PDB file of N, CA and C in Angstrom:
ATOM      1  N   MET A   1      29.979 -14.034 -17.322  1.00  0.00           N
ATOM      2  CA  MET A   1      29.491 -14.595 -16.084  1.00  0.00           C
ATOM      3  C   MET A   1      29.754 -16.094 -16.122  1.00  0.00           C
ATOM      4  N   SER A   2      30.292 -16.605 -15.049  1.00  0.00           N
ATOM      5  CA  SER A   2      30.613 -18.030 -15.018  1.00  0.00           C
ATOM      6  C   SER A   2      29.360 -18.851 -14.720  1.00  0.00           C
ATOM      7  N   ALA A   3      29.364 -20.066 -15.191  1.00  0.00           N
ATOM      8  CA  ALA A   3      28.238 -20.972 -14.951  1.00  0.00           C
ATOM      9  C   ALA A   3      28.083 -21.256 -13.460  1.00  0.00           C
ATOM     10  N   GLN A   4      29.211 -21.337 -12.750  1.00  0.00           N
ATOM     11  CA  GLN A   4      29.155 -21.614 -11.313  1.00  0.00           C
ATOM     12  C   GLN A   4      28.486 -20.459 -10.570  1.00  0.00           C
ATOM     13  N   LEU A   5      28.802 -19.221 -10.957  1.00  0.00           N
ATOM     14  CA  LEU A   5      28.199 -18.060 -10.309  1.00  0.00           C
ATOM     15  C   LEU A   5      26.707 -18.004 -10.598  1.00  0.00           C
ATOM     16  N   LEU A   6      26.325 -18.261 -11.834  1.00  0.00           N
ATOM     17  CA  LEU A   6      24.918 -18.274 -12.191  1.00  0.00           C
ATOM     18  C   LEU A   6      24.179 -19.363 -11.424  1.00  0.00           C
ATOM     19  N   ALA A   7      24.780 -20.529 -11.318  1.00  0.00           N
ATOM     20  CA  ALA A   7      24.166 -21.625 -10.572  1.00  0.00           C
ATOM     21  C   ALA A   7      23.993 -21.250  -9.103  1.00  0.00           C
ATOM     22  N   SER A   8      24.981 -20.601  -8.531  1.00  0.00           N
ATOM     23  CA  SER A   8      24.892 -20.168  -7.127  1.00  0.00           C
ATOM     24  C   SER A   8      23.750 -19.193  -6.932  1.00  0.00           C
ATOM     25  N   CYS A   9      23.593 -18.272  -7.880  1.00  0.00           N
ATOM     26  CA  CYS A   9      22.511 -17.295  -7.803  1.00  0.00           C
ATOM     27  C   CYS A   9      21.154 -17.990  -7.868  1.00  0.00           C
ATOM     28  N   LEU A  10      21.011 -18.911  -8.786  1.00  0.00           N
ATOM     29  CA  LEU A  10      19.744 -19.628  -8.934  1.00  0.00           C
ATOM     30  C   LEU A  10      19.430 -20.470  -7.703  1.00  0.00           C
ATOM     31  N   VAL A  11      20.427 -21.089  -7.106  1.00  0.00           N
ATOM     32  CA  VAL A  11      20.222 -21.865  -5.882  1.00  0.00           C
ATOM     33  C   VAL A  11      19.775 -20.948  -4.755  1.00  0.00           C
ATOM     34  N   ALA A  12      20.416 -19.789  -4.626  1.00  0.00           N
ATOM     35  CA  ALA A  12      20.042 -18.841  -3.573  1.00  0.00           C
ATOM     36  C   ALA A  12      18.595 -18.404  -3.731  1.00  0.00           C
ATOM     37  N   LEU A  13      18.182 -18.095  -4.941  1.00  0.00           N
ATOM     38  CA  LEU A  13      16.799 -17.690  -5.180  1.00  0.00           C
ATOM     39  C   LEU A  13      15.825 -18.832  -4.918  1.00  0.00           C
ATOM     40  N   ALA A  14      16.200 -20.039  -5.290  1.00  0.00           N
ATOM     41  CA  ALA A  14      15.339 -21.200  -5.057  1.00  0.00           C
ATOM     42  C   ALA A  14      15.146 -21.446  -3.564  1.00  0.00           C
ATOM     43  N   LEU A  15      16.184 -21.197  -2.788  1.00  0.00           N
ATOM     44  CA  LEU A  15      16.085 -21.391  -1.338  1.00  0.00           C
ATOM     45  C   LEU A  15      15.193 -20.335  -0.699  1.00  0.00           C
ATOM     46  N   LEU A  16      15.153 -19.153  -1.272  1.00  0.00           N
ATOM     47  CA  LEU A  16      14.318 -18.083  -0.729  1.00  0.00           C
ATOM     48  C   LEU A  16      12.842 -18.283  -1.067  1.00  0.00           C
ATOM     49  N   ALA A  17      12.551 -18.894  -2.184  1.00  0.00           N
ATOM     50  CA  ALA A  17      11.178 -19.010  -2.660  1.00  0.00           C
ATOM     51  C   ALA A  17      10.225 -19.689  -1.677  1.00  0.00           C
ATOM     52  N   PRO A  18      10.576 -20.838  -1.061  1.00  0.00           N
ATOM     53  CA  PRO A  18       9.621 -21.491  -0.159  1.00  0.00           C
ATOM     54  C   PRO A  18       9.247 -20.636   1.044  1.00  0.00           C
ATOM     55  N   SER A  19      10.154 -19.807   1.532  1.00  0.00           N
ATOM     56  CA  SER A  19       9.854 -18.997   2.712  1.00  0.00           C
ATOM     57  C   SER A  19       8.989 -17.799   2.370  1.00  0.00           C
ATOM     58  N   ALA A  20       8.812 -17.504   1.108  1.00  0.00           N
ATOM     59  CA  ALA A  20       8.041 -16.341   0.695  1.00  0.00           C
ATOM     60  C   ALA A  20       6.549 -16.632   0.591  1.00  0.00           C
ATOM     61  N   GLY A  21       6.143 -17.861   0.756  1.00  0.00           N
ATOM     62  CA  GLY A  21       4.745 -18.201   0.614  1.00  0.00           C
ATOM     63  C   GLY A  21       4.440 -18.548  -0.823  1.00  0.00           C
ATOM     64  N   ARG A  22       3.195 -18.449  -1.177  1.00  0.00           N
ATOM     65  CA  ARG A  22       2.805 -18.766  -2.547  1.00  0.00           C
ATOM     66  C   ARG A  22       3.248 -17.658  -3.487  1.00  0.00           C
ATOM     67  N   ALA A  23       3.840 -18.013  -4.600  1.00  0.00           N
ATOM     68  CA  ALA A  23       4.357 -17.040  -5.557  1.00  0.00           C
ATOM     69  C   ALA A  23       3.259 -16.121  -6.079  1.00  0.00           C
ATOM     70  N   ALA A  24       2.045 -16.611  -6.199  1.00  0.00           N
ATOM     71  CA  ALA A  24       0.950 -15.787  -6.705  1.00  0.00           C
ATOM     72  C   ALA A  24       0.651 -14.612  -5.785  1.00  0.00           C
ATOM     73  N   ASP A  25       0.970 -14.742  -4.515  1.00  0.00           N
ATOM     74  CA  ASP A  25       0.706 -13.689  -3.538  1.00  0.00           C
ATOM     75  C   ASP A  25       1.888 -12.756  -3.329  1.00  0.00           C
ATOM     76  N   LEU A  26       3.010 -13.032  -3.942  1.00  0.00           N
ATOM     77  CA  LEU A  26       4.233 -12.280  -3.708  1.00  0.00           C
ATOM     78  C   LEU A  26       4.536 -11.379  -4.898  1.00  0.00           C
ATOM     79  N   THR A  27       4.605 -10.072  -4.650  1.00  0.00           N
ATOM     80  CA  THR A  27       4.972  -9.117  -5.687  1.00  0.00           C
ATOM     81  C   THR A  27       6.284  -8.469  -5.276  1.00  0.00           C
ATOM     82  N   LEU A  28       7.340  -8.777  -6.014  1.00  0.00           N
ATOM     83  CA  LEU A  28       8.655  -8.215  -5.705  1.00  0.00           C
ATOM     84  C   LEU A  28       8.837  -6.819  -6.277  1.00  0.00           C
ATOM     85  N   ALA A  29       8.163  -6.515  -7.383  1.00  0.00           N
ATOM     86  CA  ALA A  29       8.291  -5.208  -8.007  1.00  0.00           C
ATOM     87  C   ALA A  29       7.065  -4.916  -8.850  1.00  0.00           C
ATOM     88  N   ALA A  30       6.723  -3.633  -8.941  1.00  0.00           N
ATOM     89  CA  ALA A  30       5.614  -3.190  -9.775  1.00  0.00           C
ATOM     90  C   ALA A  30       5.786  -1.705 -10.066  1.00  0.00           C
ATOM     91  N   LYS A  31       5.324  -1.303 -11.217  1.00  0.00           N
ATOM     92  CA  LYS A  31       5.350   0.113 -11.609  1.00  0.00           C
ATOM     93  C   LYS A  31       6.740   0.730 -11.487  1.00  0.00           C
ATOM     94  N   GLY A  32       7.766  -0.016 -11.894  1.00  0.00           N
ATOM     95  CA  GLY A  32       9.127   0.521 -11.937  1.00  0.00           C
ATOM     96  C   GLY A  32       9.884   0.564 -10.629  1.00  0.00           C
ATOM     97  N   LYS A  33       9.305   0.031  -9.554  1.00  0.00           N
ATOM     98  CA  LYS A  33      10.024   0.042  -8.284  1.00  0.00           C
ATOM     99  C   LYS A  33       9.720  -1.202  -7.467  1.00  0.00           C
ATOM    100  N   SER A  34      10.512  -1.391  -6.447  1.00  0.00           N
ATOM    101  CA  SER A  34      10.323  -2.520  -5.550  1.00  0.00           C
ATOM    102  C   SER A  34      10.320  -2.019  -4.119  1.00  0.00           C
ATOM    103  N   ASP A  35       9.467  -2.604  -3.307  1.00  0.00           N
ATOM    104  CA  ASP A  35       9.451  -2.281  -1.877  1.00  0.00           C
ATOM    105  C   ASP A  35      10.510  -3.085  -1.130  1.00  0.00           C
ATOM    106  N   TYR A  36      11.197  -3.964  -1.853  1.00  0.00           N
ATOM    107  CA  TYR A  36      12.214  -4.834  -1.258  1.00  0.00           C
ATOM    108  C   TYR A  36      13.600  -4.201  -1.343  1.00  0.00           C
ATOM    109  N   GLN A  37      14.509  -4.752  -0.561  1.00  0.00           N
ATOM    110  CA  GLN A  37      15.919  -4.397  -0.613  1.00  0.00           C
ATOM    111  C   GLN A  37      16.713  -5.696  -0.645  1.00  0.00           C
ATOM    112  N   ILE A  38      17.841  -5.667  -1.337  1.00  0.00           N
ATOM    113  CA  ILE A  38      18.719  -6.827  -1.366  1.00  0.00           C
ATOM    114  C   ILE A  38      19.693  -6.643  -0.213  1.00  0.00           C
ATOM    115  N   VAL A  39      19.662  -7.552   0.747  1.00  0.00           N
ATOM    116  CA  VAL A  39      20.489  -7.426   1.952  1.00  0.00           C
ATOM    117  C   VAL A  39      21.642  -8.427   1.875  1.00  0.00           C
ATOM    118  N   ILE A  40      22.851  -7.899   2.030  1.00  0.00           N
ATOM    119  CA  ILE A  40      24.028  -8.770   2.049  1.00  0.00           C
ATOM    120  C   ILE A  40      24.627  -8.762   3.452  1.00  0.00           C
ATOM    121  N   PRO A  41      25.245  -9.854   3.863  1.00  0.00           N
ATOM    122  CA  PRO A  41      25.800  -9.952   5.217  1.00  0.00           C
ATOM    123  C   PRO A  41      26.901  -8.910   5.455  1.00  0.00           C
ATOM    124  N   ASP A  42      26.995  -8.451   6.692  1.00  0.00           N
ATOM    125  CA  ASP A  42      28.071  -7.525   7.069  1.00  0.00           C
ATOM    126  C   ASP A  42      29.422  -8.229   7.056  1.00  0.00           C
ATOM    127  N   SER A  43      29.418  -9.511   7.354  1.00  0.00           N
ATOM    128  CA  SER A  43      30.666 -10.280   7.338  1.00  0.00           C
ATOM    129  C   SER A  43      30.374 -11.662   6.759  1.00  0.00           C
ATOM    130  N   SER A  44      31.428 -12.317   6.331  1.00  0.00           N
ATOM    131  CA  SER A  44      31.270 -13.650   5.764  1.00  0.00           C
ATOM    132  C   SER A  44      32.401 -14.534   6.264  1.00  0.00           C
ATOM    133  N   PRO A  45      32.256 -15.851   6.101  1.00  0.00           N
ATOM    134  CA  PRO A  45      33.279 -16.775   6.588  1.00  0.00           C
ATOM    135  C   PRO A  45      34.648 -16.587   5.923  1.00  0.00           C
ATOM    136  N   SER A  46      34.644 -16.051   4.704  1.00  0.00           N
ATOM    137  CA  SER A  46      35.916 -15.825   4.012  1.00  0.00           C
ATOM    138  C   SER A  46      35.754 -14.681   3.023  1.00  0.00           C
ATOM    139  N   PRO A  47      36.854 -14.047   2.633  1.00  0.00           N
ATOM    140  CA  PRO A  47      36.774 -12.976   1.636  1.00  0.00           C
ATOM    141  C   PRO A  47      36.164 -13.460   0.311  1.00  0.00           C
ATOM    142  N   GLU A  48      36.472 -14.677  -0.082  1.00  0.00           N
ATOM    143  CA  GLU A  48      35.937 -15.215  -1.337  1.00  0.00           C
ATOM    144  C   GLU A  48      34.409 -15.347  -1.277  1.00  0.00           C
ATOM    145  N   ILE A  49      33.886 -15.823  -0.164  1.00  0.00           N
ATOM    146  CA  ILE A  49      32.431 -15.943  -0.010  1.00  0.00           C
ATOM    147  C   ILE A  49      31.793 -14.557  -0.007  1.00  0.00           C
ATOM    148  N   GLY A  50      32.404 -13.613   0.676  1.00  0.00           N
ATOM    149  CA  GLY A  50      31.904 -12.241   0.687  1.00  0.00           C
ATOM    150  C   GLY A  50      31.858 -11.649  -0.710  1.00  0.00           C
ATOM    151  N   LYS A  51      32.902 -11.898  -1.481  1.00  0.00           N
ATOM    152  CA  LYS A  51      32.968 -11.414  -2.857  1.00  0.00           C
ATOM    153  C   LYS A  51      31.855 -12.037  -3.695  1.00  0.00           C
ATOM    154  N   ARG A  52      31.646 -13.327  -3.549  1.00  0.00           N
ATOM    155  CA  ARG A  52      30.602 -14.017  -4.320  1.00  0.00           C
ATOM    156  C   ARG A  52      29.199 -13.556  -3.918  1.00  0.00           C
ATOM    157  N   MET A  53      28.989 -13.315  -2.631  1.00  0.00           N
ATOM    158  CA  MET A  53      27.693 -12.812  -2.178  1.00  0.00           C
ATOM    159  C   MET A  53      27.402 -11.448  -2.806  1.00  0.00           C
ATOM    160  N   ALA A  54      28.410 -10.590  -2.850  1.00  0.00           N
ATOM    161  CA  ALA A  54      28.245  -9.266  -3.469  1.00  0.00           C
ATOM    162  C   ALA A  54      27.953  -9.411  -4.962  1.00  0.00           C
ATOM    163  N   GLU A  55      28.621 -10.343  -5.626  1.00  0.00           N
ATOM    164  CA  GLU A  55      28.384 -10.572  -7.055  1.00  0.00           C
ATOM    165  C   GLU A  55      26.966 -11.077  -7.301  1.00  0.00           C
ATOM    166  N   ILE A  56      26.502 -11.985  -6.460  1.00  0.00           N
ATOM    167  CA  ILE A  56      25.145 -12.515  -6.604  1.00  0.00           C
ATOM    168  C   ILE A  56      24.122 -11.402  -6.386  1.00  0.00           C
ATOM    169  N   ALA A  57      24.352 -10.564  -5.379  1.00  0.00           N
ATOM    170  CA  ALA A  57      23.451  -9.434  -5.135  1.00  0.00           C
ATOM    171  C   ALA A  57      23.398  -8.528  -6.360  1.00  0.00           C
ATOM    172  N   GLN A  58      24.542  -8.288  -6.971  1.00  0.00           N
ATOM    173  CA  GLN A  58      24.608  -7.449  -8.171  1.00  0.00           C
ATOM    174  C   GLN A  58      23.856  -8.099  -9.336  1.00  0.00           C
ATOM    175  N   LEU A  59      23.985  -9.420  -9.475  1.00  0.00           N
ATOM    176  CA  LEU A  59      23.252 -10.130 -10.524  1.00  0.00           C
ATOM    177  C   LEU A  59      21.736 -10.004 -10.330  1.00  0.00           C
ATOM    178  N   VAL A  60      21.289 -10.148  -9.106  1.00  0.00           N
ATOM    179  CA  VAL A  60      19.858 -10.012  -8.820  1.00  0.00           C
ATOM    180  C   VAL A  60      19.410  -8.582  -9.112  1.00  0.00           C
ATOM    181  N   GLN A  61      20.195  -7.603  -8.689  1.00  0.00           N
ATOM    182  CA  GLN A  61      19.875  -6.204  -8.953  1.00  0.00           C
ATOM    183  C   GLN A  61      19.820  -5.946 -10.468  1.00  0.00           C
ATOM    184  N   ASN A  62      20.769  -6.496 -11.205  1.00  0.00           N
ATOM    185  CA  ASN A  62      20.788  -6.329 -12.663  1.00  0.00           C
ATOM    186  C   ASN A  62      19.573  -6.968 -13.320  1.00  0.00           C
ATOM    187  N   ALA A  63      19.114  -8.101 -12.785  1.00  0.00           N
ATOM    188  CA  ALA A  63      17.919  -8.750 -13.329  1.00  0.00           C
ATOM    189  C   ALA A  63      16.697  -7.853 -13.131  1.00  0.00           C
ATOM    190  N   PHE A  64      16.581  -7.250 -11.974  1.00  0.00           N
ATOM    191  CA  PHE A  64      15.486  -6.304 -11.734  1.00  0.00           C
ATOM    192  C   PHE A  64      15.601  -5.130 -12.704  1.00  0.00           C
ATOM    193  N   LYS A  65      16.800  -4.566 -12.816  1.00  0.00           N
ATOM    194  CA  LYS A  65      17.043  -3.408 -13.669  1.00  0.00           C
ATOM    195  C   LYS A  65      16.728  -3.722 -15.134  1.00  0.00           C
ATOM    196  N   ALA A  66      17.094  -4.907 -15.598  1.00  0.00           N
ATOM    197  CA  ALA A  66      16.836  -5.309 -16.979  1.00  0.00           C
ATOM    198  C   ALA A  66      15.338  -5.381 -17.273  1.00  0.00           C
ATOM    199  N   ASN A  67      14.549  -5.537 -16.232  1.00  0.00           N
ATOM    200  CA  ASN A  67      13.100  -5.588 -16.385  1.00  0.00           C
ATOM    201  C   ASN A  67      12.423  -4.276 -15.995  1.00  0.00           C
ATOM    202  N   GLY A  68      13.233  -3.220 -15.824  1.00  0.00           N
ATOM    203  CA  GLY A  68      12.695  -1.889 -15.567  1.00  0.00           C
ATOM    204  C   GLY A  68      12.432  -1.544 -14.127  1.00  0.00           C
ATOM    205  N   PHE A  69      13.029  -2.285 -13.201  1.00  0.00           N
ATOM    206  CA  PHE A  69      12.785  -2.032 -11.780  1.00  0.00           C
ATOM    207  C   PHE A  69      14.071  -1.665 -11.047  1.00  0.00           C
ATOM    208  N   GLU A  70      13.945  -0.774 -10.094  1.00  0.00           N
ATOM    209  CA  GLU A  70      15.078  -0.394  -9.250  1.00  0.00           C
ATOM    210  C   GLU A  70      14.955  -1.097  -7.904  1.00  0.00           C
ATOM    211  N   ILE A  71      16.075  -1.610  -7.422  1.00  0.00           N
ATOM    212  CA  ILE A  71      16.141  -2.219  -6.093  1.00  0.00           C
ATOM    213  C   ILE A  71      17.556  -1.996  -5.577  1.00  0.00           C
ATOM    214  N   GLU A  72      17.669  -1.597  -4.329  1.00  0.00           N
ATOM    215  CA  GLU A  72      18.997  -1.298  -3.813  1.00  0.00           C
ATOM    216  C   GLU A  72      19.608  -2.476  -3.061  1.00  0.00           C
ATOM    217  N   ILE A  73      20.937  -2.475  -3.025  1.00  0.00           N
ATOM    218  CA  ILE A  73      21.708  -3.462  -2.269  1.00  0.00           C
ATOM    219  C   ILE A  73      22.218  -2.757  -1.021  1.00  0.00           C
ATOM    220  N   VAL A  74      21.981  -3.367   0.141  1.00  0.00           N
ATOM    221  CA  VAL A  74      22.422  -2.769   1.402  1.00  0.00           C
ATOM    222  C   VAL A  74      23.064  -3.822   2.295  1.00  0.00           C
ATOM    223  N   PRO A  75      24.062  -3.423   3.094  1.00  0.00           N
ATOM    224  CA  PRO A  75      24.599  -4.357   4.092  1.00  0.00           C
ATOM    225  C   PRO A  75      23.603  -4.496   5.248  1.00  0.00           C
ATOM    226  N   GLU A  76      23.693  -5.602   5.954  1.00  0.00           N
ATOM    227  CA  GLU A  76      22.775  -5.861   7.077  1.00  0.00           C
ATOM    228  C   GLU A  76      22.670  -4.672   8.030  1.00  0.00           C
ATOM    229  N   ALA A  77      23.785  -4.076   8.364  1.00  0.00           N
ATOM    230  CA  ALA A  77      23.804  -2.985   9.339  1.00  0.00           C
ATOM    231  C   ALA A  77      23.037  -1.750   8.867  1.00  0.00           C
ATOM    232  N   LYS A  78      22.846  -1.614   7.565  1.00  0.00           N
ATOM    233  CA  LYS A  78      22.174  -0.429   7.025  1.00  0.00           C
ATOM    234  C   LYS A  78      20.817  -0.735   6.403  1.00  0.00           C
ATOM    235  N   ARG A  79      20.326  -1.964   6.619  1.00  0.00           N
ATOM    236  CA  ARG A  79      19.024  -2.304   6.046  1.00  0.00           C
ATOM    237  C   ARG A  79      17.924  -1.517   6.744  1.00  0.00           C
ATOM    238  N   VAL A  80      16.889  -1.208   5.994  1.00  0.00           N
ATOM    239  CA  VAL A  80      15.731  -0.515   6.551  1.00  0.00           C
ATOM    240  C   VAL A  80      14.874  -1.578   7.243  1.00  0.00           C
ATOM    241  N   PRO A  81      14.706  -1.482   8.573  1.00  0.00           N
ATOM    242  CA  PRO A  81      14.030  -2.543   9.324  1.00  0.00           C
ATOM    243  C   PRO A  81      12.611  -2.860   8.876  1.00  0.00           C
ATOM    244  N   ASP A  82      11.844  -1.848   8.461  1.00  0.00           N
ATOM    245  CA  ASP A  82      10.449  -2.101   8.094  1.00  0.00           C
ATOM    246  C   ASP A  82      10.276  -2.400   6.602  1.00  0.00           C
ATOM    247  N   LYS A  83      11.378  -2.574   5.891  1.00  0.00           N
ATOM    248  CA  LYS A  83      11.342  -2.900   4.466  1.00  0.00           C
ATOM    249  C   LYS A  83      11.772  -4.341   4.287  1.00  0.00           C
ATOM    250  N   PRO A  84      10.991  -5.165   3.556  1.00  0.00           N
ATOM    251  CA  PRO A  84      11.379  -6.563   3.394  1.00  0.00           C
ATOM    252  C   PRO A  84      12.674  -6.704   2.631  1.00  0.00           C
ATOM    253  N   GLY A  85      13.395  -7.765   2.913  1.00  0.00           N
ATOM    254  CA  GLY A  85      14.678  -8.007   2.264  1.00  0.00           C
ATOM    255  C   GLY A  85      14.700  -9.301   1.489  1.00  0.00           C
ATOM    256  N   ILE A  86      15.557  -9.311   0.484  1.00  0.00           N
ATOM    257  CA  ILE A  86      15.809 -10.508  -0.309  1.00  0.00           C
ATOM    258  C   ILE A  86      17.203 -10.977   0.046  1.00  0.00           C
TER     259      ILE A  86
END
């Protein structure tokens, strides 16, 4: 994994954190599952950005998996509307 890709992932997560409210009140996963879904855009400004977004989504999914949790990656068009997204 490249340092640039890891940095991009960490920046993306840092940008999401303030909109989630207080971290103490936010549970992303518990008891081996998550009520969240990782949502990736249906389209991107360039193929390279689309590729990187998919890689970042996979990294986040792998981080959940490494800690014993399952979370799916879905495109915007197939996201479950009543399920929160990351």
